[in-house]
PDB file of N, CA and C in Angstrom:
ATOM      1  N   MET A   1      17.653  12.747  -1.774  1.00  0.00           N
ATOM      2  CA  MET A   1      17.970  11.679  -2.702  1.00  0.00           C
ATOM      3  C   MET A   1      17.442  10.361  -2.128  1.00  0.00           C
ATOM      4  N   PRO A   2      16.519   9.702  -2.840  1.00  0.00           N
ATOM      5  CA  PRO A   2      15.965   8.449  -2.324  1.00  0.00           C
ATOM      6  C   PRO A   2      17.010   7.328  -2.302  1.00  0.00           C
ATOM      7  N   THR A   3      16.839   6.440  -1.344  1.00  0.00           N
ATOM      8  CA  THR A   3      17.723   5.278  -1.247  1.00  0.00           C
ATOM      9  C   THR A   3      17.289   4.214  -2.259  1.00  0.00           C
ATOM     10  N   LYS A   4      18.156   3.243  -2.480  1.00  0.00           N
ATOM     11  CA  LYS A   4      17.804   2.127  -3.362  1.00  0.00           C
ATOM     12  C   LYS A   4      16.611   1.362  -2.801  1.00  0.00           C
ATOM     13  N   PHE A   5      16.561   1.241  -1.476  1.00  0.00           N
ATOM     14  CA  PHE A   5      15.436   0.560  -0.832  1.00  0.00           C
ATOM     15  C   PHE A   5      14.132   1.298  -1.126  1.00  0.00           C
ATOM     16  N   GLN A   6      14.119   2.612  -0.924  1.00  0.00           N
ATOM     17  CA  GLN A   6      12.914   3.400  -1.202  1.00  0.00           C
ATOM     18  C   GLN A   6      12.496   3.260  -2.661  1.00  0.00           C
ATOM     19  N   GLN A   7      13.454   3.351  -3.556  1.00  0.00           N
ATOM     20  CA  GLN A   7      13.149   3.224  -4.978  1.00  0.00           C
ATOM     21  C   GLN A   7      12.541   1.862  -5.291  1.00  0.00           C
ATOM     22  N   ALA A   8      13.063   0.804  -4.660  1.00  0.00           N
ATOM     23  CA  ALA A   8      12.525  -0.541  -4.871  1.00  0.00           C
ATOM     24  C   ALA A   8      11.095  -0.644  -4.343  1.00  0.00           C
ATOM     25  N   VAL A   9      10.845  -0.059  -3.178  1.00  0.00           N
ATOM     26  CA  VAL A   9       9.492  -0.065  -2.596  1.00  0.00           C
ATOM     27  C   VAL A   9       8.525   0.659  -3.527  1.00  0.00           C
ATOM     28  N   TRP A  10       8.912   1.830  -3.977  1.00  0.00           N
ATOM     29  CA  TRP A  10       8.020   2.615  -4.838  1.00  0.00           C
ATOM     30  C   TRP A  10       7.762   1.899  -6.161  1.00  0.00           C
ATOM     31  N   SER A  11       8.775   1.271  -6.707  1.00  0.00           N
ATOM     32  CA  SER A  11       8.612   0.525  -7.954  1.00  0.00           C
ATOM     33  C   SER A  11       7.651  -0.647  -7.759  1.00  0.00           C
ATOM     34  N   ALA A  12       7.827  -1.401  -6.686  1.00  0.00           N
ATOM     35  CA  ALA A  12       6.936  -2.533  -6.401  1.00  0.00           C
ATOM     36  C   ALA A  12       5.508  -2.061  -6.176  1.00  0.00           C
ATOM     37  N   THR A  13       5.351  -0.928  -5.528  1.00  0.00           N
ATOM     38  CA  THR A  13       4.024  -0.381  -5.263  1.00  0.00           C
ATOM     39  C   THR A  13       3.333   0.017  -6.561  1.00  0.00           C
ATOM     40  N   ARG A  14       4.086   0.533  -7.508  1.00  0.00           N
ATOM     41  CA  ARG A  14       3.505   0.900  -8.805  1.00  0.00           C
ATOM     42  C   ARG A  14       2.982  -0.320  -9.568  1.00  0.00           C
ATOM     43  N   SER A  15       3.399  -1.519  -9.196  1.00  0.00           N
ATOM     44  CA  SER A  15       2.942  -2.727  -9.896  1.00  0.00           C
ATOM     45  C   SER A  15       1.603  -3.250  -9.358  1.00  0.00           C
ATOM     46  N   ILE A  16       1.074  -2.650  -8.303  1.00  0.00           N
ATOM     47  CA  ILE A  16      -0.220  -3.080  -7.756  1.00  0.00           C
ATOM     48  C   ILE A  16      -1.312  -2.513  -8.658  1.00  0.00           C
ATOM     49  N   PRO A  17      -2.109  -3.367  -9.284  1.00  0.00           N
ATOM     50  CA  PRO A  17      -3.133  -2.846 -10.197  1.00  0.00           C
ATOM     51  C   PRO A  17      -4.302  -2.193  -9.467  1.00  0.00           C
ATOM     52  N   LYS A  18      -4.957  -1.317 -10.181  1.00  0.00           N
ATOM     53  CA  LYS A  18      -6.174  -0.678  -9.672  1.00  0.00           C
ATOM     54  C   LYS A  18      -7.172  -1.763  -9.281  1.00  0.00           C
ATOM     55  N   GLY A  19      -7.808  -1.593  -8.106  1.00  0.00           N
ATOM     56  CA  GLY A  19      -8.782  -2.565  -7.631  1.00  0.00           C
ATOM     57  C   GLY A  19      -8.189  -3.704  -6.825  1.00  0.00           C
ATOM     58  N   LYS A  20      -6.888  -3.655  -6.571  1.00  0.00           N
ATOM     59  CA  LYS A  20      -6.222  -4.667  -5.748  1.00  0.00           C
ATOM     60  C   LYS A  20      -5.421  -3.965  -4.661  1.00  0.00           C
ATOM     61  N   VAL A  21      -5.074  -4.715  -3.622  1.00  0.00           N
ATOM     62  CA  VAL A  21      -4.198  -4.205  -2.569  1.00  0.00           C
ATOM     63  C   VAL A  21      -3.097  -5.236  -2.325  1.00  0.00           C
ATOM     64  N   ALA A  22      -2.024  -4.772  -1.741  1.00  0.00           N
ATOM     65  CA  ALA A  22      -0.941  -5.642  -1.284  1.00  0.00           C
ATOM     66  C   ALA A  22      -0.649  -5.261   0.160  1.00  0.00           C
ATOM     67  N   THR A  23      -0.047  -6.171   0.895  1.00  0.00           N
ATOM     68  CA  THR A  23       0.338  -5.861   2.270  1.00  0.00           C
ATOM     69  C   THR A  23       1.766  -5.322   2.287  1.00  0.00           C
ATOM     70  N   TYR A  24       2.107  -4.684   3.386  1.00  0.00           N
ATOM     71  CA  TYR A  24       3.472  -4.195   3.565  1.00  0.00           C
ATOM     72  C   TYR A  24       4.458  -5.363   3.463  1.00  0.00           C
ATOM     73  N   GLY A  25       4.073  -6.508   4.026  1.00  0.00           N
ATOM     74  CA  GLY A  25       4.923  -7.690   3.974  1.00  0.00           C
ATOM     75  C   GLY A  25       5.101  -8.222   2.563  1.00  0.00           C
ATOM     76  N   GLN A  26       4.038  -8.181   1.771  1.00  0.00           N
ATOM     77  CA  GLN A  26       4.158  -8.623   0.377  1.00  0.00           C
ATOM     78  C   GLN A  26       5.165  -7.758  -0.378  1.00  0.00           C
ATOM     79  N   ILE A  27       5.099  -6.461  -0.161  1.00  0.00           N
ATOM     80  CA  ILE A  27       6.045  -5.556  -0.828  1.00  0.00           C
ATOM     81  C   ILE A  27       7.466  -5.881  -0.364  1.00  0.00           C
ATOM     82  N   ALA A  28       7.635  -6.074   0.936  1.00  0.00           N
ATOM     83  CA  ALA A  28       8.965  -6.400   1.467  1.00  0.00           C
ATOM     84  C   ALA A  28       9.508  -7.679   0.831  1.00  0.00           C
ATOM     85  N   ARG A  29       8.664  -8.697   0.728  1.00  0.00           N
ATOM     86  CA  ARG A  29       9.102  -9.957   0.106  1.00  0.00           C
ATOM     87  C   ARG A  29       9.414  -9.756  -1.374  1.00  0.00           C
ATOM     88  N   LYS A  30       8.598  -8.982  -2.051  1.00  0.00           N
ATOM     89  CA  LYS A  30       8.786  -8.764  -3.485  1.00  0.00           C
ATOM     90  C   LYS A  30      10.135  -8.111  -3.790  1.00  0.00           C
ATOM     91  N   ILE A  31      10.597  -7.250  -2.894  1.00  0.00           N
ATOM     92  CA  ILE A  31      11.872  -6.576  -3.141  1.00  0.00           C
ATOM     93  C   ILE A  31      13.046  -7.320  -2.500  1.00  0.00           C
ATOM     94  N   GLY A  32      12.777  -8.522  -1.991  1.00  0.00           N
ATOM     95  CA  GLY A  32      13.851  -9.363  -1.478  1.00  0.00           C
ATOM     96  C   GLY A  32      14.290  -9.071  -0.062  1.00  0.00           C
ATOM     97  N   ASN A  33      13.426  -8.430   0.717  1.00  0.00           N
ATOM     98  CA  ASN A  33      13.767  -8.092   2.093  1.00  0.00           C
ATOM     99  C   ASN A  33      12.568  -8.430   2.985  1.00  0.00           C
ATOM    100  N   PRO A  34      12.278  -9.725   3.182  1.00  0.00           N
ATOM    101  CA  PRO A  34      11.023 -10.155   3.796  1.00  0.00           C
ATOM    102  C   PRO A  34      10.765  -9.677   5.218  1.00  0.00           C
ATOM    103  N   ARG A  35      11.784  -9.223   5.918  1.00  0.00           N
ATOM    104  CA  ARG A  35      11.573  -8.763   7.299  1.00  0.00           C
ATOM    105  C   ARG A  35      11.430  -7.254   7.388  1.00  0.00           C
ATOM    106  N   ALA A  36      11.276  -6.589   6.265  1.00  0.00           N
ATOM    107  CA  ALA A  36      11.312  -5.121   6.239  1.00  0.00           C
ATOM    108  C   ALA A  36       9.943  -4.473   6.052  1.00  0.00           C
ATOM    109  N   SER A  37       8.878  -5.108   6.542  1.00  0.00           N
ATOM    110  CA  SER A  37       7.553  -4.532   6.308  1.00  0.00           C
ATOM    111  C   SER A  37       7.394  -3.145   6.946  1.00  0.00           C
ATOM    112  N   ARG A  38       7.978  -2.930   8.110  1.00  0.00           N
ATOM    113  CA  ARG A  38       7.896  -1.595   8.733  1.00  0.00           C
ATOM    114  C   ARG A  38       8.683  -0.573   7.929  1.00  0.00           C
ATOM    115  N   ALA A  39       9.812  -0.987   7.389  1.00  0.00           N
ATOM    116  CA  ALA A  39      10.615  -0.093   6.558  1.00  0.00           C
ATOM    117  C   ALA A  39       9.884   0.242   5.257  1.00  0.00           C
ATOM    118  N   VAL A  40       9.095  -0.710   4.755  1.00  0.00           N
ATOM    119  CA  VAL A  40       8.258  -0.431   3.584  1.00  0.00           C
ATOM    120  C   VAL A  40       7.295   0.702   3.917  1.00  0.00           C
ATOM    121  N   GLY A  41       6.670   0.626   5.081  1.00  0.00           N
ATOM    122  CA  GLY A  41       5.766   1.699   5.512  1.00  0.00           C
ATOM    123  C   GLY A  41       6.483   3.030   5.609  1.00  0.00           C
ATOM    124  N   ALA A  42       7.686   3.020   6.124  1.00  0.00           N
ATOM    125  CA  ALA A  42       8.458   4.264   6.236  1.00  0.00           C
ATOM    126  C   ALA A  42       8.780   4.826   4.854  1.00  0.00           C
ATOM    127  N   ALA A  43       9.129   3.954   3.913  1.00  0.00           N
ATOM    128  CA  ALA A  43       9.429   4.416   2.553  1.00  0.00           C
ATOM    129  C   ALA A  43       8.179   5.002   1.900  1.00  0.00           C
ATOM    130  N   LEU A  44       7.039   4.375   2.132  1.00  0.00           N
ATOM    131  CA  LEU A  44       5.804   4.880   1.540  1.00  0.00           C
ATOM    132  C   LEU A  44       5.375   6.204   2.162  1.00  0.00           C
ATOM    133  N   SER A  45       5.754   6.428   3.406  1.00  0.00           N
ATOM    134  CA  SER A  45       5.362   7.678   4.068  1.00  0.00           C
ATOM    135  C   SER A  45       6.042   8.900   3.461  1.00  0.00           C
ATOM    136  N   VAL A  46       7.094   8.676   2.685  1.00  0.00           N
ATOM    137  CA  VAL A  46       7.789   9.788   2.017  1.00  0.00           C
ATOM    138  C   VAL A  46       7.685   9.657   0.496  1.00  0.00           C
ATOM    139  N   ASN A  47       6.676   8.953   0.037  1.00  0.00           N
ATOM    140  CA  ASN A  47       6.417   8.765  -1.388  1.00  0.00           C
ATOM    141  C   ASN A  47       6.273  10.133  -2.064  1.00  0.00           C
ATOM    142  N   PRO A  48       7.183  10.477  -2.981  1.00  0.00           N
ATOM    143  CA  PRO A  48       7.127  11.795  -3.607  1.00  0.00           C
ATOM    144  C   PRO A  48       6.243  11.840  -4.852  1.00  0.00           C
ATOM    145  N   ASP A  49       5.654  10.707  -5.230  1.00  0.00           N
ATOM    146  CA  ASP A  49       5.024  10.638  -6.542  1.00  0.00           C
ATOM    147  C   ASP A  49       3.621  10.023  -6.508  1.00  0.00           C
ATOM    148  N   ALA A  50       2.853  10.346  -5.486  1.00  0.00           N
ATOM    149  CA  ALA A  50       1.464   9.880  -5.464  1.00  0.00           C
ATOM    150  C   ALA A  50       0.680  10.767  -6.432  1.00  0.00           C
ATOM    151  N   PRO A  51      -0.252  10.275  -7.142  1.00  0.00           N
ATOM    152  CA  PRO A  51      -0.818   8.930  -7.124  1.00  0.00           C
ATOM    153  C   PRO A  51      -0.153   7.946  -8.098  1.00  0.00           C
ATOM    154  N   ARG A  52       0.866   8.379  -8.861  1.00  0.00           N
ATOM    155  CA  ARG A  52       1.521   7.433  -9.773  1.00  0.00           C
ATOM    156  C   ARG A  52       2.106   6.254  -9.002  1.00  0.00           C
ATOM    157  N   THR A  53       2.595   6.506  -7.814  1.00  0.00           N
ATOM    158  CA  THR A  53       3.007   5.444  -6.908  1.00  0.00           C
ATOM    159  C   THR A  53       1.875   5.308  -5.891  1.00  0.00           C
ATOM    160  N   PRO A  54       0.960   4.352  -6.109  1.00  0.00           N
ATOM    161  CA  PRO A  54      -0.300   4.295  -5.359  1.00  0.00           C
ATOM    162  C   PRO A  54      -0.167   3.676  -3.968  1.00  0.00           C
ATOM    163  N   CYS A  55       0.430   4.417  -3.058  1.00  0.00           N
ATOM    164  CA  CYS A  55       0.654   3.882  -1.716  1.00  0.00           C
ATOM    165  C   CYS A  55      -0.659   3.601  -0.989  1.00  0.00           C
ATOM    166  N   HIS A  56      -1.765   4.165  -1.466  1.00  0.00           N
ATOM    167  CA  HIS A  56      -3.059   3.864  -0.841  1.00  0.00           C
ATOM    168  C   HIS A  56      -3.445   2.396  -1.031  1.00  0.00           C
ATOM    169  N   ARG A  57      -2.793   1.694  -1.948  1.00  0.00           N
ATOM    170  CA  ARG A  57      -3.095   0.287  -2.205  1.00  0.00           C
ATOM    171  C   ARG A  57      -2.310  -0.669  -1.312  1.00  0.00           C
ATOM    172  N   VAL A  58      -1.585  -0.151  -0.345  1.00  0.00           N
ATOM    173  CA  VAL A  58      -0.818  -1.000   0.573  1.00  0.00           C
ATOM    174  C   VAL A  58      -1.500  -0.954   1.937  1.00  0.00           C
ATOM    175  N   VAL A  59      -1.799  -2.151   2.459  1.00  0.00           N
ATOM    176  CA  VAL A  59      -2.556  -2.275   3.705  1.00  0.00           C
ATOM    177  C   VAL A  59      -1.847  -3.216   4.669  1.00  0.00           C
ATOM    178  N   ALA A  60      -2.335  -3.251   5.896  1.00  0.00           N
ATOM    179  CA  ALA A  60      -1.790  -4.168   6.907  1.00  0.00           C
ATOM    180  C   ALA A  60      -2.160  -5.610   6.562  1.00  0.00           C
ATOM    181  N   ILE A  61      -1.481  -6.541   7.180  1.00  0.00           N
ATOM    182  CA  ILE A  61      -1.671  -7.964   6.889  1.00  0.00           C
ATOM    183  C   ILE A  61      -3.104  -8.436   7.152  1.00  0.00           C
ATOM    184  N   ASP A  62      -3.826  -7.758   8.019  1.00  0.00           N
ATOM    185  CA  ASP A  62      -5.213  -8.135   8.309  1.00  0.00           C
ATOM    186  C   ASP A  62      -6.217  -7.328   7.486  1.00  0.00           C
ATOM    187  N   GLY A  63      -5.727  -6.509   6.567  1.00  0.00           N
ATOM    188  CA  GLY A  63      -6.612  -5.708   5.723  1.00  0.00           C
ATOM    189  C   GLY A  63      -6.949  -4.345   6.282  1.00  0.00           C
ATOM    190  N   SER A  64      -6.468  -4.037   7.467  1.00  0.00           N
ATOM    191  CA  SER A  64      -6.776  -2.722   8.036  1.00  0.00           C
ATOM    192  C   SER A  64      -5.931  -1.643   7.361  1.00  0.00           C
ATOM    193  N   LEU A  65      -6.456  -0.441   7.416  1.00  0.00           N
ATOM    194  CA  LEU A  65      -5.773   0.703   6.823  1.00  0.00           C
ATOM    195  C   LEU A  65      -4.935   1.371   7.888  1.00  0.00           C
ATOM    196  N   ASN A  66      -3.723   1.714   7.518  1.00  0.00           N
ATOM    197  CA  ASN A  66      -2.873   2.465   8.439  1.00  0.00           C
ATOM    198  C   ASN A  66      -1.823   3.212   7.638  1.00  0.00           C
ATOM    199  N   GLY A  67      -1.217   4.168   8.253  1.00  0.00           N
ATOM    200  CA  GLY A  67      -0.083   4.850   7.677  1.00  0.00           C
ATOM    201  C   GLY A  67      -0.312   5.566   6.379  1.00  0.00           C
ATOM    202  N   TYR A  68      -1.325   6.402   6.291  1.00  0.00           N
ATOM    203  CA  TYR A  68      -1.534   7.170   5.065  1.00  0.00           C
ATOM    204  C   TYR A  68      -1.262   8.631   5.371  1.00  0.00           C
ATOM    205  N   SER A  69      -0.179   9.151   4.817  1.00  0.00           N
ATOM    206  CA  SER A  69       0.264  10.495   5.183  1.00  0.00           C
ATOM    207  C   SER A  69      -0.264  11.590   4.267  1.00  0.00           C
ATOM    208  N   ALA A  70      -0.976  11.232   3.216  1.00  0.00           N
ATOM    209  CA  ALA A  70      -1.507  12.250   2.304  1.00  0.00           C
ATOM    210  C   ALA A  70      -2.689  12.978   2.938  1.00  0.00           C
ATOM    211  N   SER A  71      -3.063  14.046   2.322  1.00  0.00           N
ATOM    212  CA  SER A  71      -4.179  14.855   2.797  1.00  0.00           C
ATOM    213  C   SER A  71      -5.434  14.005   2.964  1.00  0.00           C
ATOM    214  N   GLY A  72      -6.109  14.164   4.081  1.00  0.00           N
ATOM    215  CA  GLY A  72      -7.324  13.413   4.344  1.00  0.00           C
ATOM    216  C   GLY A  72      -7.116  12.153   5.148  1.00  0.00           C
ATOM    217  N   GLY A  73      -5.869  11.726   5.297  1.00  0.00           N
ATOM    218  CA  GLY A  73      -5.553  10.582   6.135  1.00  0.00           C
ATOM    219  C   GLY A  73      -6.241   9.299   5.709  1.00  0.00           C
ATOM    220  N   LEU A  74      -6.566   8.473   6.689  1.00  0.00           N
ATOM    221  CA  LEU A  74      -7.108   7.142   6.418  1.00  0.00           C
ATOM    222  C   LEU A  74      -8.466   7.183   5.733  1.00  0.00           C
ATOM    223  N   SER A  75      -9.277   8.193   6.008  1.00  0.00           N
ATOM    224  CA  SER A  75     -10.574   8.260   5.317  1.00  0.00           C
ATOM    225  C   SER A  75     -10.362   8.514   3.829  1.00  0.00           C
ATOM    226  N   ALA A  76      -9.354   9.295   3.477  1.00  0.00           N
ATOM    227  CA  ALA A  76      -9.038   9.522   2.064  1.00  0.00           C
ATOM    228  C   ALA A  76      -8.529   8.228   1.431  1.00  0.00           C
ATOM    229  N   LYS A  77      -7.708   7.473   2.162  1.00  0.00           N
ATOM    230  CA  LYS A  77      -7.193   6.197   1.657  1.00  0.00           C
ATOM    231  C   LYS A  77      -8.359   5.260   1.346  1.00  0.00           C
ATOM    232  N   ARG A  78      -9.292   5.179   2.267  1.00  0.00           N
ATOM    233  CA  ARG A  78     -10.462   4.317   2.046  1.00  0.00           C
ATOM    234  C   ARG A  78     -11.271   4.780   0.841  1.00  0.00           C
ATOM    235  N   LYS A  79     -11.491   6.081   0.722  1.00  0.00           N
ATOM    236  CA  LYS A  79     -12.258   6.598  -0.416  1.00  0.00           C
ATOM    237  C   LYS A  79     -11.571   6.290  -1.744  1.00  0.00           C
ATOM    238  N   LEU A  80     -10.250   6.403  -1.785  1.00  0.00           N
ATOM    239  CA  LEU A  80      -9.517   6.070  -3.008  1.00  0.00           C
ATOM    240  C   LEU A  80      -9.695   4.595  -3.366  1.00  0.00           C
ATOM    241  N   LEU A  81      -9.580   3.728  -2.368  1.00  0.00           N
ATOM    242  CA  LEU A  81      -9.747   2.295  -2.612  1.00  0.00           C
ATOM    243  C   LEU A  81     -11.175   1.974  -3.050  1.00  0.00           C
ATOM    244  N   GLU A  82     -12.156   2.559  -2.394  1.00  0.00           N
ATOM    245  CA  GLU A  82     -13.553   2.318  -2.771  1.00  0.00           C
ATOM    246  C   GLU A  82     -13.824   2.809  -4.197  1.00  0.00           C
ATOM    247  N   ALA A  83     -13.231   3.934  -4.573  1.00  0.00           N
ATOM    248  CA  ALA A  83     -13.397   4.454  -5.929  1.00  0.00           C
ATOM    249  C   ALA A  83     -12.815   3.500  -6.974  1.00  0.00           C
ATOM    250  N   GLU A  84     -11.858   2.683  -6.561  1.00  0.00           N
ATOM    251  CA  GLU A  84     -11.251   1.689  -7.445  1.00  0.00           C
ATOM    252  C   GLU A  84     -11.978   0.345  -7.402  1.00  0.00           C
ATOM    253  N   GLY A  85     -13.062   0.275  -6.608  1.00  0.00           N
ATOM    254  CA  GLY A  85     -13.861  -0.944  -6.541  1.00  0.00           C
ATOM    255  C   GLY A  85     -13.533  -1.881  -5.402  1.00  0.00           C
ATOM    256  N   VAL A  86     -12.605  -1.505  -4.539  1.00  0.00           N
ATOM    257  CA  VAL A  86     -12.228  -2.347  -3.406  1.00  0.00           C
ATOM    258  C   VAL A  86     -13.341  -2.284  -2.357  1.00  0.00           C
ATOM    259  N   LYS A  87     -13.740  -3.449  -1.871  1.00  0.00           N
ATOM    260  CA  LYS A  87     -14.804  -3.554  -0.862  1.00  0.00           C
ATOM    261  C   LYS A  87     -14.207  -3.812   0.514  1.00  0.00           C
ATOM    262  N   PHE A  88     -14.957  -3.386   1.510  1.00  0.00           N
ATOM    263  CA  PHE A  88     -14.533  -3.508   2.903  1.00  0.00           C
ATOM    264  C   PHE A  88     -15.513  -4.378   3.675  1.00  0.00           C
ATOM    265  N   ILE A  89     -14.994  -5.045   4.687  1.00  0.00           N
ATOM    266  CA  ILE A  89     -15.805  -5.713   5.702  1.00  0.00           C
ATOM    267  C   ILE A  89     -15.507  -4.961   6.982  1.00  0.00           C
ATOM    268  N   GLY A  90     -16.442  -4.161   7.417  1.00  0.00           N
ATOM    269  CA  GLY A  90     -16.190  -3.254   8.538  1.00  0.00           C
ATOM    270  C   GLY A  90     -15.141  -2.237   8.124  1.00  0.00           C
ATOM    271  N   ASN A  91     -14.062  -2.172   8.884  1.00  0.00           N
ATOM    272  CA  ASN A  91     -12.991  -1.218   8.590  1.00  0.00           C
ATOM    273  C   ASN A  91     -11.795  -1.858   7.887  1.00  0.00           C
ATOM    274  N   LYS A  92     -11.976  -3.080   7.387  1.00  0.00           N
ATOM    275  CA  LYS A  92     -10.857  -3.795   6.760  1.00  0.00           C
ATOM    276  C   LYS A  92     -11.186  -4.151   5.317  1.00  0.00           C
ATOM    277  N   VAL A  93     -10.166  -4.109   4.471  1.00  0.00           N
ATOM    278  CA  VAL A  93     -10.325  -4.540   3.091  1.00  0.00           C
ATOM    279  C   VAL A  93     -10.683  -6.024   3.078  1.00  0.00           C
ATOM    280  N   ASP A  94     -11.608  -6.398   2.203  1.00  0.00           N
ATOM    281  CA  ASP A  94     -11.948  -7.811   2.031  1.00  0.00           C
ATOM    282  C   ASP A  94     -10.804  -8.467   1.258  1.00  0.00           C
ATOM    283  N   LEU A  95      -9.846  -8.998   1.993  1.00  0.00           N
ATOM    284  CA  LEU A  95      -8.654  -9.573   1.378  1.00  0.00           C
ATOM    285  C   LEU A  95      -8.959 -10.833   0.574  1.00  0.00           C
ATOM    286  N   SER A  96     -10.064 -11.505   0.863  1.00  0.00           N
ATOM    287  CA  SER A  96     -10.402 -12.715   0.111  1.00  0.00           C
ATOM    288  C   SER A  96     -10.674 -12.391  -1.355  1.00  0.00           C
ATOM    289  N   GLN A  97     -11.055 -11.154  -1.644  1.00  0.00           N
ATOM    290  CA  GLN A  97     -11.349 -10.757  -3.014  1.00  0.00           C
ATOM    291  C   GLN A  97     -10.323  -9.807  -3.614  1.00  0.00           C
ATOM    292  N   PHE A  98      -9.701  -8.974  -2.797  1.00  0.00           N
ATOM    293  CA  PHE A  98      -8.947  -7.850  -3.350  1.00  0.00           C
ATOM    294  C   PHE A  98      -7.445  -7.896  -3.090  1.00  0.00           C
ATOM    295  N   LEU A  99      -6.973  -8.931  -2.382  1.00  0.00           N
ATOM    296  CA  LEU A  99      -5.537  -9.054  -2.145  1.00  0.00           C
ATOM    297  C   LEU A  99      -4.834  -9.519  -3.406  1.00  0.00           C
ATOM    298  N   LEU A 100      -3.785  -8.836  -3.798  1.00  0.00           N
ATOM    299  CA  LEU A 100      -2.988  -9.221  -4.945  1.00  0.00           C
ATOM    300  C   LEU A 100      -2.329 -10.566  -4.658  1.00  0.00           C
ATOM    301  N   LYS A 101      -2.487 -11.480  -5.561  1.00  0.00           N
ATOM    302  CA  LYS A 101      -1.895 -12.820  -5.377  1.00  0.00           C
ATOM    303  C   LYS A 101      -0.517 -12.868  -5.990  1.00  0.00           C
TER     304      LYS A 101
END
């Protein structure tokens, strides 16, 4: 049975549009718990409803990819983002263009 916190994280994650990313901290702030970015990552690691809950669209504050527990790991996360039009600078999402405001 998911917690209210997990449900809030998953709901906020579903609001990230295709072609954009949000940071773990942004999700934490959006659900009213600004210091819970690590807990957001933990909630996403048990996401039962991918891809409807697009946890691949959540990245670290510097745009790096981490914490993708689905099949294929981080390379799959990158491929999903690239398929949605998200561009990278090296191994990091170009946050100047693709970060959800």
